[in-house]
Amino acid sequence: MPNLTPQSPLMQPVQWQGQEYFTSQYFHAHYLANSPYGGKYRQHSNFLRVIRAIPAYAIYVNHADIVELDWSRIKAEANQILIYLKPLFEAAGHHPLTLLNATAQLALIHHLDDELSQQNSVVTNTNAARQLTRKPGALLPEEAAQRKLNAWLQMGLMLKAPEHIVQQEAAKQIEHDTGINLRPLLSAAPAQDNIKPEEKMLEPSDLSTALGLKSGAMVNKGLEHIGWQVQNISKEWEATPTGEPHSMRHAWIKGPKSGYNLKWNIQSVTDAFKAHGIISADAI
C-alpha cells in the first residue's frame, strides 16, 4: 500500500448511496498508528483478511455496512459514480475498494490487537451489557450522574450559591449515588481556580494547616471558644447563629459511611482567631 497522507482520497469520508463510509486503507492507517510495534497486520492485504474474517461479514455486506467496490464493474455500470470514485481507485492502484460504516467499524475493533481497539472493544461490550441487564427505564450510571449534576447546578443558581461549592458538593453526592468519580474533572473546572477570598471555605483539618495550628481539633475548640459552634447531643458540631454566616454544612462520604460537618470561611476565621488571640496578629 502506498504511503498515505491525510490529504489522500483514501483517507477521506466516502459517500455511497446516502451513507458515510471510510476505506479499509483509512482504518489500516489508524491501526498502524495505534500499534507501538507496527501491529500484526502491517500489510493492507492482511488487514483485509481480518475484515473478511469477521463472523458476520456476509450479513454486514447484505445490510450495506460493508461495501465492496470493483473498478471494472463501476466503470461499466455508472458513469456519474465513476467520476466521483475515480480518484479513490487511482489512489488504490485500481484495486477493489472495501468501505466500512460506523457499524462495521465497531464490529472490526473486536478483532484488532492494537491497544485503542481493545479499549474500545471493552467499552462497547460494557455498554452493551449494561443495556441488556438494566431494568426498563433505568438509567446508566453516566446518565444518572449527568442528571444529578444538572439538578445541583440549577439549584445552585436558584440559591445564588458559589459555583465552586455547588460543584464540590455535587461531585461527592454523585460519587455516593452512582459510583462515578468526578474529582479529576472537578480539579480542572475553571470555577475551582477562580475562588474569591471571601468565598473560600475549608474544613477544620485544612484550616489548621492554613492557620498554623496543630490539628483540626484545635480549630474546632477555637470555634467553640469564640461562640461560633457547639456540639449537639450526637457530638456533632453545629454552627451557632453567630457562626452561621461564616460556615456551611458540608457532606462527607467515606466508604459506606456518610454524614455532614462544617466548612468555614478562611478569612472570617482568620480575623476572628486573631481578634481572640488564638493565633498571632501576624499569622498568614
Protein backbone atom coordinates (compact mmCIF):
# COMPACT_ATOMS: atom_id res chain seq x y z
CA MET A 1 0.00 0.00 0.00
CA PRO A 2 1.43 3.44 -0.88
CA ASN A 3 2.22 5.86 1.92
CA LEU A 4 -0.97 7.72 2.71
CA THR A 5 -1.10 11.40 3.59
CA PRO A 6 -4.08 12.96 5.39
CA GLN A 7 -4.98 14.56 2.05
CA SER A 8 -5.19 11.25 0.19
CA PRO A 9 -8.66 10.42 -1.18
CA LEU A 10 -8.36 7.08 0.64
CA MET A 11 -8.23 8.95 3.97
CA GLN A 12 -11.40 10.96 3.34
CA PRO A 13 -15.04 10.05 4.09
CA VAL A 14 -16.83 8.39 1.18
CA GLN A 15 -20.50 8.98 0.46
CA TRP A 16 -22.19 5.92 -1.03
CA GLN A 17 -25.93 5.54 -1.50
CA GLY A 18 -26.77 8.03 1.23
CA GLN A 19 -24.37 6.68 3.86
CA GLU A 20 -20.92 7.76 5.02
CA TYR A 21 -18.09 5.24 4.87
CA PHE A 22 -14.33 5.13 5.26
CA THR A 23 -11.98 2.95 3.26
CA SER A 24 -10.17 -0.06 4.67
CA GLN A 25 -6.95 1.88 3.95
CA TYR A 26 -8.14 4.58 6.34
CA PHE A 27 -8.74 2.08 9.15
CA HIS A 28 -5.47 0.29 8.39
CA ALA A 29 -3.51 3.53 8.65
CA HIS A 30 -5.07 4.29 12.05
CA TYR A 31 -4.45 0.72 13.18
CA LEU A 32 -0.74 1.07 12.36
CA ALA A 33 -0.55 4.45 14.09
CA ASN A 34 -2.08 2.96 17.26
CA SER A 35 0.21 -0.09 17.27
CA PRO A 36 3.50 0.67 19.06
CA TYR A 37 5.35 -2.17 17.28
CA GLY A 38 3.60 -1.90 13.94
CA GLY A 39 0.87 -4.43 14.73
CA LYS A 40 0.31 -7.95 13.42
CA TYR A 41 -1.30 -6.79 10.21
CA ARG A 42 1.30 -4.49 8.72
CA GLN A 43 0.31 -5.28 5.16
CA HIS A 44 -3.01 -3.93 3.95
CA SER A 45 -3.78 -7.28 2.34
CA ASN A 46 -3.52 -8.99 5.75
CA PHE A 47 -5.70 -6.31 7.29
CA LEU A 48 -8.35 -7.00 4.62
CA ARG A 49 -8.29 -10.68 5.61
CA VAL A 50 -9.12 -9.66 9.19
CA ILE A 51 -12.12 -7.68 7.94
CA ARG A 52 -13.36 -10.56 5.80
CA ALA A 53 -12.88 -12.97 8.71
CA ILE A 54 -15.48 -11.15 10.81
CA PRO A 55 -18.01 -13.96 11.54
CA ALA A 56 -20.99 -11.90 10.40
CA TYR A 57 -19.18 -10.44 7.38
CA ALA A 58 -21.81 -11.57 4.87
CA ILE A 59 -24.59 -10.07 6.98
CA TYR A 60 -22.78 -6.74 7.20
CA VAL A 61 -22.42 -6.78 3.41
CA ASN A 62 -26.14 -7.58 2.99
CA HIS A 63 -27.01 -4.68 5.29
CA ALA A 64 -24.65 -2.37 3.38
CA ASP A 65 -22.49 -1.79 6.47
CA ILE A 66 -19.59 -3.08 4.38
CA VAL A 67 -19.41 -2.27 0.69
CA GLU A 68 -17.07 -3.93 -1.81
CA LEU A 69 -16.46 -1.89 -4.98
CA ASP A 70 -14.74 -3.24 -8.07
CA TRP A 71 -13.24 -0.84 -10.61
CA SER A 72 -14.23 -2.81 -13.70
CA ARG A 73 -17.86 -3.10 -12.58
CA ILE A 74 -18.11 0.55 -11.55
CA LYS A 75 -16.57 1.62 -14.83
CA ALA A 76 -19.07 -0.42 -16.82
CA GLU A 77 -22.22 0.44 -14.86
CA ALA A 78 -22.17 4.04 -13.63
CA ASN A 79 -20.53 6.93 -15.40
CA GLN A 80 -21.53 9.59 -12.85
CA ILE A 81 -20.32 7.49 -9.93
CA LEU A 82 -17.14 6.79 -11.89
CA ILE A 83 -16.27 10.49 -11.87
CA TYR A 84 -16.67 10.68 -8.10
CA LEU A 85 -14.84 7.43 -7.32
CA LYS A 86 -12.08 7.71 -9.89
CA PRO A 87 -9.59 9.45 -7.51
CA LEU A 88 -10.20 6.73 -4.91
CA PHE A 89 -9.46 3.92 -7.34
CA GLU A 90 -6.44 5.75 -8.72
CA ALA A 91 -5.03 6.16 -5.19
CA ALA A 92 -5.65 2.45 -4.56
CA GLY A 93 -3.95 1.39 -7.81
CA HIS A 94 -7.35 0.38 -9.21
CA HIS A 95 -7.59 -2.49 -6.72
CA PRO A 96 -11.06 -3.24 -5.29
CA LEU A 97 -12.17 -0.91 -2.50
CA THR A 98 -13.66 -2.02 0.81
CA LEU A 99 -15.77 0.60 2.60
CA LEU A 100 -16.95 0.37 6.21
CA ASN A 101 -19.54 2.45 8.03
CA ALA A 102 -19.67 3.07 11.79
CA THR A 103 -21.47 -0.22 12.46
CA ALA A 104 -18.83 -2.23 10.65
CA GLN A 105 -16.08 -0.29 12.40
CA LEU A 106 -17.46 -1.37 15.79
CA ALA A 107 -17.51 -4.97 14.58
CA LEU A 108 -13.90 -4.67 13.39
CA ILE A 109 -12.41 -3.36 16.65
CA HIS A 110 -13.16 -6.67 18.40
CA HIS A 111 -10.72 -8.39 16.03
CA LEU A 112 -7.74 -5.99 16.21
CA ASP A 113 -4.81 -6.18 18.58
CA ASP A 114 -3.84 -2.52 18.98
CA GLU A 115 -4.46 -1.02 22.43
CA LEU A 116 -7.01 1.58 21.33
CA SER A 117 -9.16 -1.01 19.55
CA GLN A 118 -9.01 -3.31 22.57
CA GLN A 119 -10.03 -0.49 24.91
CA ASN A 120 -12.89 0.50 22.60
CA SER A 121 -13.96 -3.14 22.43
CA VAL A 122 -14.20 -3.30 26.21
CA VAL A 123 -16.17 -0.05 26.37
CA THR A 124 -18.56 -1.20 23.65
CA ASN A 125 -19.18 -4.57 25.29
CA THR A 126 -19.57 -2.99 28.72
CA ASN A 127 -22.20 -0.55 27.48
CA ALA A 128 -23.99 -3.32 25.61
CA ALA A 129 -24.06 -5.47 28.73
CA ARG A 130 -25.43 -2.60 30.78
CA GLN A 131 -28.17 -2.07 28.24
CA LEU A 132 -29.08 -5.76 28.35
CA THR A 133 -29.09 -6.12 32.13
CA ARG A 134 -30.65 -2.89 33.29
CA LYS A 135 -34.33 -2.71 34.03
CA PRO A 136 -36.64 -0.99 31.55
CA GLY A 137 -36.47 2.75 32.08
CA ALA A 138 -33.42 2.54 34.37
CA LEU A 139 -30.62 4.99 33.73
CA LEU A 140 -27.00 4.12 33.09
CA PRO A 141 -24.69 5.49 35.82
CA GLU A 142 -23.36 8.14 33.43
CA GLU A 143 -26.90 9.25 32.59
CA ALA A 144 -27.87 9.43 36.25
CA ALA A 145 -24.70 11.38 37.05
CA GLN A 146 -25.43 13.90 34.32
CA ARG A 147 -28.98 14.46 35.53
CA LYS A 148 -27.84 14.86 39.14
CA LEU A 149 -25.13 17.33 38.14
CA ASN A 150 -27.60 19.41 36.12
CA ALA A 151 -30.01 19.41 39.06
CA TRP A 152 -27.30 20.54 41.51
CA LEU A 153 -26.13 23.32 39.20
CA GLN A 154 -29.69 24.55 38.71
CA MET A 155 -30.30 24.54 42.46
CA GLY A 156 -27.05 26.42 42.97
CA LEU A 157 -28.17 29.11 40.55
CA MET A 158 -31.54 29.39 42.25
CA LEU A 159 -29.88 29.77 45.66
CA LYS A 160 -27.13 32.03 44.27
CA ALA A 161 -24.54 29.75 45.88
CA PRO A 162 -20.89 29.99 44.78
CA GLU A 163 -20.41 27.73 41.79
CA HIS A 164 -17.25 26.06 43.10
CA ILE A 165 -19.06 24.93 46.26
CA VAL A 166 -22.02 23.61 44.28
CA GLN A 167 -19.68 21.62 42.05
CA GLN A 168 -17.82 20.13 45.03
CA GLU A 169 -20.99 19.07 46.82
CA ALA A 170 -22.50 17.68 43.61
CA ALA A 171 -19.38 15.61 42.88
CA LYS A 172 -19.47 14.00 46.32
CA GLN A 173 -23.15 13.16 46.13
CA ILE A 174 -22.84 11.81 42.59
CA GLU A 175 -19.98 9.51 43.62
CA HIS A 176 -22.04 8.27 46.56
CA ASP A 177 -25.14 7.63 44.44
CA THR A 178 -23.63 6.36 41.16
CA GLY A 179 -20.02 5.38 41.90
CA ILE A 180 -18.74 7.82 39.27
CA ASN A 181 -15.75 9.85 40.45
CA LEU A 182 -15.86 13.39 39.05
CA ARG A 183 -12.88 14.66 41.05
CA PRO A 184 -10.37 14.56 38.15
CA LEU A 185 -12.73 16.70 36.09
CA LEU A 186 -13.55 18.87 39.08
CA SER A 187 -9.91 19.79 39.59
CA ALA A 188 -9.78 21.11 36.02
CA ALA A 189 -13.02 23.13 36.26
CA PRO A 190 -12.43 26.90 35.92
CA ALA A 191 -14.71 27.63 38.88
CA GLN A 192 -12.26 25.78 41.17
CA ASP A 193 -9.40 28.08 40.13
CA ASN A 194 -11.21 31.41 40.48
CA ILE A 195 -12.45 31.30 44.06
CA LYS A 196 -12.85 34.72 45.65
CA PRO A 197 -11.08 35.07 49.03
CA GLU A 198 -14.36 35.83 50.74
CA GLU A 199 -15.86 32.60 49.34
CA LYS A 200 -13.03 30.19 50.20
CA MET A 201 -14.31 27.60 52.65
CA LEU A 202 -12.22 24.94 54.41
CA GLU A 203 -12.84 22.07 56.80
CA PRO A 204 -11.19 22.33 60.24
CA SER A 205 -8.40 19.90 59.29
CA ASP A 206 -7.46 22.06 56.28
CA LEU A 207 -7.97 25.25 58.30
CA SER A 208 -5.45 24.05 60.86
CA THR A 209 -2.80 23.80 58.14
CA ALA A 210 -3.65 27.21 56.75
CA LEU A 211 -3.62 28.85 60.20
CA GLY A 212 -0.54 27.06 61.50
CA LEU A 213 -2.40 25.15 64.22
CA LYS A 214 -1.60 21.57 65.19
CA SER A 215 -4.89 19.89 64.28
CA GLY A 216 -8.47 20.25 63.20
CA ALA A 217 -9.47 19.56 66.81
CA MET A 218 -7.71 22.79 67.85
CA VAL A 219 -9.67 24.69 65.20
CA ASN A 220 -12.94 23.18 66.46
CA LYS A 221 -12.10 24.15 70.05
CA GLY A 222 -11.23 27.65 68.89
CA LEU A 223 -14.51 28.00 67.02
CA GLU A 224 -16.35 26.77 70.12
CA HIS A 225 -14.41 29.23 72.29
CA ILE A 226 -15.46 32.24 70.19
CA GLY A 227 -19.09 31.08 70.17
CA TRP A 228 -19.33 30.11 66.52
CA GLN A 229 -20.21 26.43 67.02
CA VAL A 230 -21.46 23.98 69.65
CA GLN A 231 -21.68 20.20 69.89
CA ASN A 232 -25.16 18.72 69.71
CA ILE A 233 -26.42 15.66 71.56
CA SER A 234 -24.89 13.42 68.86
CA LYS A 235 -21.47 15.01 69.44
CA GLU A 236 -21.61 16.68 66.04
CA TRP A 237 -20.65 20.30 65.55
CA GLU A 238 -23.38 22.79 64.70
CA ALA A 239 -22.95 26.44 63.84
CA THR A 240 -24.46 28.98 66.25
CA PRO A 241 -26.42 31.98 64.93
CA THR A 242 -23.17 33.95 65.21
CA GLY A 243 -21.19 31.35 63.27
CA GLU A 244 -23.77 30.56 60.59
CA PRO A 245 -22.88 33.49 58.29
CA HIS A 246 -19.28 32.19 58.14
CA SER A 247 -19.97 28.46 57.66
CA MET A 248 -21.74 25.92 55.51
CA ARG A 249 -22.80 22.32 56.04
CA HIS A 250 -20.58 20.00 54.09
CA ALA A 251 -21.42 16.44 53.08
CA TRP A 252 -18.71 13.83 53.59
CA ILE A 253 -18.59 10.30 52.26
CA LYS A 254 -16.10 7.63 53.29
CA GLY A 255 -16.84 4.14 52.03
CA PRO A 256 -20.33 3.10 53.16
CA LYS A 257 -20.47 5.89 55.77
CA SER A 258 -21.61 9.44 55.17
CA GLY A 259 -22.66 12.49 57.12
CA TYR A 260 -22.18 16.23 57.47
CA ASN A 261 -19.65 18.55 59.04
CA LEU A 262 -18.91 22.24 58.73
CA LYS A 263 -16.75 24.22 56.36
CA TRP A 264 -15.63 27.67 57.44
CA ASN A 265 -14.73 30.84 55.59
CA ILE A 266 -10.98 31.07 55.93
CA GLN A 267 -10.84 34.88 56.03
CA SER A 268 -13.58 35.17 58.65
CA VAL A 269 -11.98 32.55 60.89
CA THR A 270 -8.54 34.14 60.49
CA ASP A 271 -9.83 37.56 61.54
CA ALA A 272 -11.82 36.13 64.47
CA PHE A 273 -8.94 33.96 65.74
CA LYS A 274 -6.59 36.95 65.60
CA ALA A 275 -9.09 39.13 67.47
CA HIS A 276 -9.41 36.49 70.23
CA GLY A 277 -5.69 35.78 70.44
CA ILE A 278 -5.97 32.17 69.21
CA ILE A 279 -3.39 32.92 66.52
CA SER A 280 -0.91 35.76 66.40
CA ALA A 281 -1.80 39.01 64.70
CA ASP A 282 0.89 38.49 62.08
CA ALA A 283 -0.19 34.94 61.14
CA ILE A 284 -0.94 34.45 57.40
